C-alpha atoms as a PDB file:
ATOM      1  CA  MET A   1     104.899  87.687 112.116  1.00  0.00           C
ATOM      2  CA  THR A   2     104.425  90.691 111.235  1.00  0.00           C
ATOM      3  CA  PHE A   3     106.230  92.750 108.217  1.00  0.00           C
ATOM      4  CA  GLU A   4     106.889  96.059 109.799  1.00  0.00           C
ATOM      5  CA  HIS A   5     110.307  95.911 108.942  1.00  0.00           C
ATOM      6  CA  LEU A   6     109.400  96.048 105.517  1.00  0.00           C
ATOM      7  CA  ARG A   7     109.380  99.104 103.054  1.00  0.00           C
ATOM      8  CA  VAL A   8     107.411  98.040 100.260  1.00  0.00           C
ATOM      9  CA  LEU A   9     107.590 100.545  96.606  1.00  0.00           C
ATOM     10  CA  GLU A  10     104.836  99.353  94.588  1.00  0.00           C
ATOM     11  CA  LEU A  11     105.150 100.391  90.922  1.00  0.00           C
ATOM     12  CA  GLY A  12     103.204  99.164  88.213  1.00  0.00           C
ATOM     13  CA  ASP A  13      99.363  99.114  87.312  1.00  0.00           C
ATOM     14  CA  ASP A  14      98.327  95.483  87.624  1.00  0.00           C
ATOM     15  CA  PRO A  15      95.884  95.363  90.140  1.00  0.00           C
ATOM     16  CA  ALA A  16      96.970  91.735  91.262  1.00  0.00           C
ATOM     17  CA  LEU A  17     100.225  93.669  92.195  1.00  0.00           C
ATOM     18  CA  SER A  18      98.128  96.503  94.246  1.00  0.00           C
ATOM     19  CA  PHE A  19      96.485  93.304  96.024  1.00  0.00           C
ATOM     20  CA  CYS A  20      99.904  91.536  97.209  1.00  0.00           C
ATOM     21  CA  CYS A  21     100.785  95.392  98.003  1.00  0.00           C
ATOM     22  CA  LEU A  22      97.944  95.503 100.125  1.00  0.00           C
ATOM     23  CA  GLN A  23      98.611  92.387 101.572  1.00  0.00           C
ATOM     24  CA  MET A  24     101.878  93.583 102.782  1.00  0.00           C
ATOM     25  CA  ALA A  25     100.219  96.710 104.416  1.00  0.00           C
ATOM     26  CA  ARG A  26      97.455  95.040 106.125  1.00  0.00           C
ATOM     27  CA  TRP A  27     100.694  92.521 107.837  1.00  0.00           C
ATOM     28  CA  GLY A  28     102.331  95.888 109.039  1.00  0.00           C
ATOM     29  CA  ALA A  29     104.910  96.860 106.214  1.00  0.00           C
ATOM     30  CA  GLN A  30     105.217 100.546 104.751  1.00  0.00           C
ATOM     31  CA  VAL A  31     103.863 100.344 101.194  1.00  0.00           C
ATOM     32  CA  VAL A  32     104.331 103.575  98.851  1.00  0.00           C
ATOM     33  CA  VAL A  33     102.122 103.590  95.345  1.00  0.00           C
ATOM     34  CA  GLY A  34     104.331 105.067  92.886  1.00  0.00           C
ATOM     35  CA  GLU A  35     101.963 106.383  90.238  1.00  0.00           C
ATOM     36  CA  SER A  36     102.223 107.757  86.919  1.00  0.00           C
ATOM     37  CA  PHE A  37     100.434 111.304  86.241  1.00  0.00           C
ATOM     38  CA  VAL A  38      97.559 109.559  83.887  1.00  0.00           C
ATOM     39  CA  GLY A  39      96.779 106.911  86.816  1.00  0.00           C
ATOM     40  CA  ASP A  40      97.221 103.730  86.762  1.00  0.00           C
ATOM     41  CA  LEU A  41      94.190 101.045  86.231  1.00  0.00           C
ATOM     42  CA  PRO A  42      92.300 100.745  89.372  1.00  0.00           C
ATOM     43  CA  SER A  43      91.978 104.855  89.615  1.00  0.00           C
ATOM     44  CA  ARG A  44      90.709 104.803  85.981  1.00  0.00           C
ATOM     45  CA  SER A  45      87.878 101.962  86.646  1.00  0.00           C
ATOM     46  CA  PRO A  46      84.203 102.667  87.131  1.00  0.00           C
ATOM     47  CA  ARG A  47      83.810 105.491  89.386  1.00  0.00           C
ATOM     48  CA  LYS A  48      81.036 105.884  92.236  1.00  0.00           C
ATOM     49  CA  ASN A  49      80.255 109.738  93.367  1.00  0.00           C
ATOM     50  CA  GLY A  50      83.764 110.484  91.572  1.00  0.00           C
ATOM     51  CA  VAL A  51      86.143 108.139  93.176  1.00  0.00           C
ATOM     52  CA  SER A  52      87.178 104.680  92.138  1.00  0.00           C
ATOM     53  CA  LEU A  53      86.086 102.198  94.860  1.00  0.00           C
ATOM     54  CA  MET A  54      88.795  99.489  93.226  1.00  0.00           C
ATOM     55  CA  TRP A  55      91.336 102.306  93.866  1.00  0.00           C
ATOM     56  CA  ARG A  56      89.897 103.144  96.931  1.00  0.00           C
ATOM     57  CA  TYR A  57      90.292  99.176  98.132  1.00  0.00           C
ATOM     58  CA  LEU A  58      93.645  98.748  96.611  1.00  0.00           C
ATOM     59  CA  THR A  59      95.350 101.538  98.357  1.00  0.00           C
ATOM     60  CA  LEU A  60      94.179 100.934 102.009  1.00  0.00           C
ATOM     61  CA  ASN A  61      96.832 101.707 104.528  1.00  0.00           C
ATOM     62  CA  LYS A  62      99.278 102.775 101.576  1.00  0.00           C
ATOM     63  CA  SER A  63     101.042 106.297 100.859  1.00  0.00           C
ATOM     64  CA  LEU A  64     100.825 107.794  97.244  1.00  0.00           C
ATOM     65  CA  VAL A  65     103.444 109.594  95.413  1.00  0.00           C
ATOM     66  CA  SER A  66     102.875 110.486  91.752  1.00  0.00           C
ATOM     67  CA  ASP A  67     105.161 110.974  89.135  1.00  0.00           C
ATOM     68  CA  GLY A  68     103.744 114.580  88.517  1.00  0.00           C
ATOM     69  CA  LEU A  69     105.031 115.856  92.156  1.00  0.00           C
ATOM     70  CA  VAL A  70     108.352 114.640  92.040  1.00  0.00           C
END
């Protein structure tokens, strides 16, 4: 069973929410992350070489929409 027929809009900045949506994306769902202009908690977490590793992991296989661009 896959989630290829699902479209998910991720709104929120809780890492648990991001992780749940990550699992849906891994199973084939199309996941779009709605991120605020200041960023969410994972994107503000500690960085290595200028990139938040938590943010990079939690946004795998997802599309990103920022309210500063919409």
